[in-house]
Amino acid sequence: MTEEASKRYEEIQSKIEKSISPYITVKISMPEGVDKEAFLKLENNPKFIESLKKYAKKWLKQKISSKF
């Protein structure tokens, strides 16, 4: 598969995945004063990911309730 075809395949696959199970990708800059290795490990830490999901849900609920 050519590089162009591979990129196109990944784009289509991502669209399908998002329509079946929506998700977002967020870039978080490393805060000053933290260990780089520990910070990078957060990306694959299930507890950290779950904390972010809970925070996102809480934040969205507050945004919705503040409209009324």
C-alpha atoms as a PDB file:
ATOM      1  CA  MET A   1       0.000   0.000   0.000  1.00  0.00           C
ATOM      2  CA  THR A   2       1.373   3.420  -0.902  1.00  0.00           C
ATOM      3  CA  GLU A   3       1.908   6.059   1.759  1.00  0.00           C
ATOM      4  CA  GLU A   4      -0.932   8.153   0.331  1.00  0.00           C
ATOM      5  CA  ALA A   5      -3.308   5.175   0.330  1.00  0.00           C
ATOM      6  CA  SER A   6      -2.263   4.305   3.871  1.00  0.00           C
ATOM      7  CA  LYS A   7      -3.027   7.844   5.084  1.00  0.00           C
ATOM      8  CA  ARG A   8      -6.408   7.791   3.346  1.00  0.00           C
ATOM      9  CA  TYR A   9      -7.207   4.415   4.916  1.00  0.00           C
ATOM     10  CA  GLU A  10      -6.340   5.769   8.384  1.00  0.00           C
ATOM     11  CA  GLU A  11      -8.551   8.834   7.825  1.00  0.00           C
ATOM     12  CA  ILE A  12     -11.509   6.675   6.796  1.00  0.00           C
ATOM     13  CA  GLN A  13     -10.937   4.255   9.667  1.00  0.00           C
ATOM     14  CA  SER A  14     -10.845   7.174  12.129  1.00  0.00           C
ATOM     15  CA  LYS A  15     -14.128   8.563  10.785  1.00  0.00           C
ATOM     16  CA  ILE A  16     -15.786   5.165  11.124  1.00  0.00           C
ATOM     17  CA  GLU A  17     -14.487   4.719  14.680  1.00  0.00           C
ATOM     18  CA  LYS A  18     -15.675   8.205  15.679  1.00  0.00           C
ATOM     19  CA  SER A  19     -19.145   7.589  14.275  1.00  0.00           C
ATOM     20  CA  ILE A  20     -19.465   4.278  16.129  1.00  0.00           C
ATOM     21  CA  SER A  21     -17.821   5.357  19.362  1.00  0.00           C
ATOM     22  CA  PRO A  22     -17.177   9.128  19.429  1.00  0.00           C
ATOM     23  CA  TYR A  23     -13.941  10.355  20.971  1.00  0.00           C
ATOM     24  CA  ILE A  24     -11.685  13.383  20.989  1.00  0.00           C
ATOM     25  CA  THR A  25      -7.934  13.699  20.999  1.00  0.00           C
ATOM     26  CA  VAL A  26      -6.516  16.343  23.317  1.00  0.00           C
ATOM     27  CA  LYS A  27      -2.950  17.629  23.462  1.00  0.00           C
ATOM     28  CA  ILE A  28      -1.791  18.464  26.973  1.00  0.00           C
ATOM     29  CA  SER A  29       1.475  20.349  27.298  1.00  0.00           C
ATOM     30  CA  MET A  30       3.840  19.068  29.938  1.00  0.00           C
ATOM     31  CA  PRO A  31       3.669  21.318  33.001  1.00  0.00           C
ATOM     32  CA  GLU A  32       6.905  22.784  34.301  1.00  0.00           C
ATOM     33  CA  GLY A  33       8.506  20.925  37.147  1.00  0.00           C
ATOM     34  CA  VAL A  34       7.183  17.441  36.380  1.00  0.00           C
ATOM     35  CA  ASP A  35       9.127  14.363  35.388  1.00  0.00           C
ATOM     36  CA  LYS A  36       8.979  13.929  31.610  1.00  0.00           C
ATOM     37  CA  GLU A  37       8.879  10.127  31.726  1.00  0.00           C
ATOM     38  CA  ALA A  38       6.092  10.096  34.328  1.00  0.00           C
ATOM     39  CA  PHE A  39       4.129  12.660  32.317  1.00  0.00           C
ATOM     40  CA  LEU A  40       4.404  10.673  29.084  1.00  0.00           C
ATOM     41  CA  LYS A  41       3.201   7.512  30.843  1.00  0.00           C
ATOM     42  CA  LEU A  42      -0.112   9.232  31.635  1.00  0.00           C
ATOM     43  CA  GLU A  43      -1.161   8.701  28.021  1.00  0.00           C
ATOM     44  CA  ASN A  44      -1.587   4.974  28.675  1.00  0.00           C
ATOM     45  CA  ASN A  45      -2.718   5.186  32.305  1.00  0.00           C
ATOM     46  CA  PRO A  46      -6.328   3.921  32.594  1.00  0.00           C
ATOM     47  CA  LYS A  47      -6.918   5.723  35.912  1.00  0.00           C
ATOM     48  CA  PHE A  48      -5.745   9.019  34.426  1.00  0.00           C
ATOM     49  CA  ILE A  49      -7.920   8.546  31.328  1.00  0.00           C
ATOM     50  CA  GLU A  50     -10.931   7.729  33.521  1.00  0.00           C
ATOM     51  CA  SER A  51     -10.275  10.877  35.578  1.00  0.00           C
ATOM     52  CA  LEU A  52     -10.270  12.956  32.404  1.00  0.00           C
ATOM     53  CA  LYS A  53     -13.539  11.356  31.271  1.00  0.00           C
ATOM     54  CA  LYS A  54     -15.177  12.165  34.618  1.00  0.00           C
ATOM     55  CA  TYR A  55     -13.882  15.732  34.477  1.00  0.00           C
ATOM     56  CA  ALA A  56     -15.157  16.181  30.902  1.00  0.00           C
ATOM     57  CA  LYS A  57     -18.603  14.891  31.914  1.00  0.00           C
ATOM     58  CA  LYS A  58     -18.717  17.222  34.934  1.00  0.00           C
ATOM     59  CA  TRP A  59     -17.568  20.181  32.845  1.00  0.00           C
ATOM     60  CA  LEU A  60     -20.174  19.518  30.134  1.00  0.00           C
ATOM     61  CA  LYS A  61     -22.966  19.195  32.710  1.00  0.00           C
ATOM     62  CA  GLN A  62     -21.957  22.549  34.214  1.00  0.00           C
ATOM     63  CA  LYS A  63     -21.896  24.193  30.767  1.00  0.00           C
ATOM     64  CA  ILE A  64     -25.373  22.863  29.955  1.00  0.00           C
ATOM     65  CA  SER A  65     -26.859  23.909  33.291  1.00  0.00           C
ATOM     66  CA  SER A  66     -25.318  27.392  33.048  1.00  0.00           C
ATOM     67  CA  LYS A  67     -27.255  28.039  29.816  1.00  0.00           C
ATOM     68  CA  PHE A  68     -30.527  27.915  31.727  1.00  0.00           C
END
